Amino acid sequence: MISFEPLRKLLSQKGISTYYLRNKCGIYNLDSKTIQRLMSDESVSTNTLNAMCHILDCDIKEIIEFHPDEETELDQ
């Protein structure tokens, strides 16, 4: 499972609100639904991840983490 918990922690550490983030995302043609998907650990595009790294001046590993599912179809 992909989690954006590191993104939420980074926003908190930097004192950045989702309102501020939504305003900045307009520059990158991202809408408020995209921010909502990030906050809910839903799928987003690599363009969105790239924009987040630019906006927050961070590396990808600072906004996303991977947790293996207990059992996946590939394991069967």
N, C-alpha and C. Protein backbone atom coordinates (compact mmCIF):
# COMPACT_ATOMS: atom_id res chain seq x y z
N MET A 1 0.84 -1.18 0.00
CA MET A 1 0.00 0.00 0.00
C MET A 1 0.89 1.24 0.00
N ILE A 2 0.49 2.21 -0.78
CA ILE A 2 1.18 3.49 -0.83
C ILE A 2 0.52 4.42 0.18
N SER A 3 1.34 5.10 0.97
CA SER A 3 0.81 6.04 1.96
C SER A 3 1.46 7.40 1.78
N PHE A 4 0.67 8.43 1.97
CA PHE A 4 1.17 9.80 1.94
C PHE A 4 1.28 10.37 3.35
N GLU A 5 1.40 9.51 4.33
CA GLU A 5 1.58 9.95 5.71
C GLU A 5 2.82 10.85 5.84
N PRO A 6 3.93 10.51 5.17
CA PRO A 6 5.09 11.43 5.25
C PRO A 6 4.76 12.83 4.74
N LEU A 7 3.91 12.93 3.73
CA LEU A 7 3.49 14.24 3.23
C LEU A 7 2.73 15.00 4.30
N ARG A 8 1.80 14.33 4.95
CA ARG A 8 1.01 14.98 6.00
C ARG A 8 1.90 15.44 7.15
N LYS A 9 2.89 14.63 7.51
CA LYS A 9 3.83 15.01 8.57
C LYS A 9 4.68 16.21 8.14
N LEU A 10 5.14 16.19 6.89
CA LEU A 10 5.96 17.28 6.37
C LEU A 10 5.16 18.59 6.36
N LEU A 11 3.92 18.53 5.93
CA LEU A 11 3.08 19.73 5.93
C LEU A 11 2.92 20.27 7.34
N SER A 12 2.72 19.38 8.29
CA SER A 12 2.58 19.79 9.69
C SER A 12 3.87 20.42 10.21
N GLN A 13 5.00 19.79 9.92
CA GLN A 13 6.30 20.31 10.38
C GLN A 13 6.59 21.69 9.80
N LYS A 14 6.21 21.89 8.55
CA LYS A 14 6.47 23.17 7.89
C LYS A 14 5.36 24.20 8.14
N GLY A 15 4.31 23.78 8.84
CA GLY A 15 3.20 24.69 9.12
C GLY A 15 2.42 25.08 7.88
N ILE A 16 2.33 24.15 6.92
CA ILE A 16 1.64 24.42 5.66
C ILE A 16 0.24 23.81 5.71
N SER A 17 -0.75 24.64 5.46
CA SER A 17 -2.14 24.17 5.45
C SER A 17 -2.52 23.64 4.08
N THR A 18 -3.58 22.86 4.04
CA THR A 18 -4.06 22.38 2.74
C THR A 18 -4.59 23.55 1.91
N TYR A 19 -5.07 24.60 2.58
CA TYR A 19 -5.52 25.80 1.86
C TYR A 19 -4.35 26.42 1.10
N TYR A 20 -3.22 26.58 1.78
CA TYR A 20 -2.01 27.13 1.13
C TYR A 20 -1.59 26.22 -0.02
N LEU A 21 -1.61 24.93 0.23
CA LEU A 21 -1.20 23.96 -0.78
C LEU A 21 -2.11 24.04 -2.01
N ARG A 22 -3.40 24.17 -1.79
CA ARG A 22 -4.34 24.28 -2.91
C ARG A 22 -4.04 25.51 -3.76
N ASN A 23 -3.69 26.62 -3.11
CA ASN A 23 -3.36 27.84 -3.85
C ASN A 23 -2.08 27.66 -4.66
N LYS A 24 -1.08 27.02 -4.10
CA LYS A 24 0.18 26.78 -4.80
C LYS A 24 0.00 25.79 -5.95
N CYS A 25 -0.89 24.83 -5.77
CA CYS A 25 -1.08 23.80 -6.79
C CYS A 25 -1.67 24.34 -8.07
N GLY A 26 -2.35 25.46 -8.00
CA GLY A 26 -2.90 26.07 -9.21
C GLY A 26 -1.83 26.36 -10.24
N ILE A 27 -0.65 26.68 -9.79
CA ILE A 27 0.48 26.94 -10.68
C ILE A 27 0.81 25.70 -11.50
N TYR A 28 0.61 24.53 -10.90
CA TYR A 28 0.94 23.25 -11.53
C TYR A 28 -0.29 22.57 -12.13
N ASN A 29 -1.38 23.30 -12.26
CA ASN A 29 -2.64 22.77 -12.82
C ASN A 29 -3.19 21.58 -12.03
N LEU A 30 -3.05 21.63 -10.72
CA LEU A 30 -3.62 20.61 -9.85
C LEU A 30 -4.81 21.23 -9.13
N ASP A 31 -5.88 20.45 -8.98
CA ASP A 31 -7.07 20.99 -8.34
C ASP A 31 -7.22 20.50 -6.90
N SER A 32 -8.24 21.00 -6.22
CA SER A 32 -8.45 20.64 -4.82
C SER A 32 -8.77 19.16 -4.66
N LYS A 33 -9.35 18.53 -5.67
CA LYS A 33 -9.62 17.09 -5.60
C LYS A 33 -8.32 16.29 -5.50
N THR A 34 -7.30 16.77 -6.17
CA THR A 34 -6.00 16.10 -6.13
C THR A 34 -5.42 16.17 -4.72
N ILE A 35 -5.51 17.33 -4.08
CA ILE A 35 -5.03 17.47 -2.71
C ILE A 35 -5.82 16.55 -1.79
N GLN A 36 -7.12 16.47 -2.01
CA GLN A 36 -7.96 15.59 -1.21
C GLN A 36 -7.54 14.13 -1.39
N ARG A 37 -7.21 13.73 -2.61
CA ARG A 37 -6.76 12.35 -2.85
C ARG A 37 -5.45 12.08 -2.12
N LEU A 38 -4.55 13.04 -2.11
CA LEU A 38 -3.29 12.88 -1.38
C LEU A 38 -3.55 12.70 0.11
N MET A 39 -4.44 13.50 0.66
CA MET A 39 -4.73 13.44 2.09
C MET A 39 -5.45 12.16 2.48
N SER A 40 -6.05 11.49 1.48
CA SER A 40 -6.81 10.26 1.74
C SER A 40 -6.08 9.00 1.27
N ASP A 41 -4.81 9.14 0.92
CA ASP A 41 -4.00 8.01 0.44
C ASP A 41 -4.60 7.35 -0.80
N GLU A 42 -5.21 8.14 -1.66
CA GLU A 42 -5.74 7.62 -2.92
C GLU A 42 -4.71 7.82 -4.02
N SER A 43 -4.91 7.18 -5.15
CA SER A 43 -3.91 7.24 -6.22
C SER A 43 -3.85 8.63 -6.85
N VAL A 44 -2.63 9.02 -7.19
CA VAL A 44 -2.37 10.28 -7.89
C VAL A 44 -1.32 10.01 -8.97
N SER A 45 -1.19 10.93 -9.89
CA SER A 45 -0.24 10.75 -10.99
C SER A 45 1.18 11.11 -10.57
N THR A 46 2.12 10.67 -11.37
CA THR A 46 3.51 11.05 -11.12
C THR A 46 3.70 12.55 -11.32
N ASN A 47 2.91 13.17 -12.17
CA ASN A 47 2.97 14.63 -12.33
C ASN A 47 2.60 15.32 -11.02
N THR A 48 1.62 14.78 -10.32
CA THR A 48 1.23 15.33 -9.02
C THR A 48 2.36 15.19 -8.02
N LEU A 49 2.99 14.03 -7.98
CA LEU A 49 4.11 13.83 -7.06
C LEU A 49 5.26 14.78 -7.39
N ASN A 50 5.52 14.97 -8.66
CA ASN A 50 6.56 15.90 -9.09
C ASN A 50 6.24 17.32 -8.62
N ALA A 51 4.99 17.72 -8.79
CA ALA A 51 4.57 19.06 -8.36
C ALA A 51 4.73 19.23 -6.86
N MET A 52 4.35 18.22 -6.09
CA MET A 52 4.48 18.30 -4.63
C MET A 52 5.94 18.47 -4.22
N CYS A 53 6.82 17.74 -4.87
CA CYS A 53 8.25 17.86 -4.57
C CYS A 53 8.75 19.27 -4.87
N HIS A 54 8.29 19.86 -5.97
CA HIS A 54 8.69 21.23 -6.31
C HIS A 54 8.11 22.23 -5.31
N ILE A 55 6.84 22.11 -5.01
CA ILE A 55 6.18 23.04 -4.10
C ILE A 55 6.82 23.01 -2.72
N LEU A 56 7.11 21.81 -2.23
CA LEU A 56 7.63 21.65 -0.87
C LEU A 56 9.16 21.62 -0.81
N ASP A 57 9.80 21.70 -1.98
CA ASP A 57 11.26 21.66 -2.06
C ASP A 57 11.79 20.45 -1.28
N CYS A 58 11.32 19.27 -1.70
CA CYS A 58 11.70 18.05 -0.99
C CYS A 58 11.93 16.92 -1.98
N ASP A 59 12.41 15.81 -1.47
CA ASP A 59 12.62 14.59 -2.24
C ASP A 59 11.37 13.73 -2.14
N ILE A 60 11.16 12.88 -3.13
CA ILE A 60 9.97 12.02 -3.17
C ILE A 60 9.82 11.17 -1.90
N LYS A 61 10.94 10.71 -1.35
CA LYS A 61 10.86 9.85 -0.16
C LYS A 61 10.37 10.61 1.07
N GLU A 62 10.31 11.94 0.98
CA GLU A 62 9.80 12.74 2.09
C GLU A 62 8.28 12.90 2.06
N ILE A 63 7.65 12.43 0.97
CA ILE A 63 6.19 12.60 0.88
C ILE A 63 5.43 11.30 0.66
N ILE A 64 6.13 10.21 0.44
CA ILE A 64 5.45 8.95 0.11
C ILE A 64 6.20 7.78 0.74
N GLU A 65 5.45 6.75 1.12
CA GLU A 65 6.08 5.53 1.64
C GLU A 65 5.28 4.32 1.17
N PHE A 66 5.95 3.19 1.13
CA PHE A 66 5.34 1.95 0.67
C PHE A 66 5.27 0.96 1.82
N HIS A 67 4.10 0.37 2.00
CA HIS A 67 3.89 -0.69 2.98
C HIS A 67 3.36 -1.90 2.22
N PRO A 68 4.10 -3.00 2.19
CA PRO A 68 3.61 -4.18 1.45
C PRO A 68 2.29 -4.67 2.03
N ASP A 69 1.39 -5.04 1.14
CA ASP A 69 0.14 -5.65 1.58
C ASP A 69 0.47 -7.02 2.13
N GLU A 70 -0.35 -7.49 3.04
CA GLU A 70 -0.10 -8.80 3.64
C GLU A 70 -0.12 -9.89 2.60
N GLU A 71 -1.09 -9.84 1.70
CA GLU A 71 -1.15 -10.83 0.63
C GLU A 71 -1.69 -10.15 -0.61
N THR A 72 -0.99 -10.30 -1.70
CA THR A 72 -1.44 -9.70 -2.96
C THR A 72 -1.70 -10.78 -3.98
N GLU A 73 -2.35 -10.42 -5.05
CA GLU A 73 -2.63 -11.38 -6.11
C GLU A 73 -1.34 -11.92 -6.72
N LEU A 74 -0.28 -11.13 -6.74
CA LEU A 74 0.99 -11.57 -7.29
C LEU A 74 1.60 -12.70 -6.47
N ASP A 75 1.28 -12.75 -5.17
CA ASP A 75 1.83 -13.78 -4.30
C ASP A 75 1.14 -15.13 -4.49
N GLN A 76 -0.03 -15.13 -5.11
CA GLN A 76 -0.80 -16.37 -5.20
C GLN A 76 -0.37 -17.20 -6.38
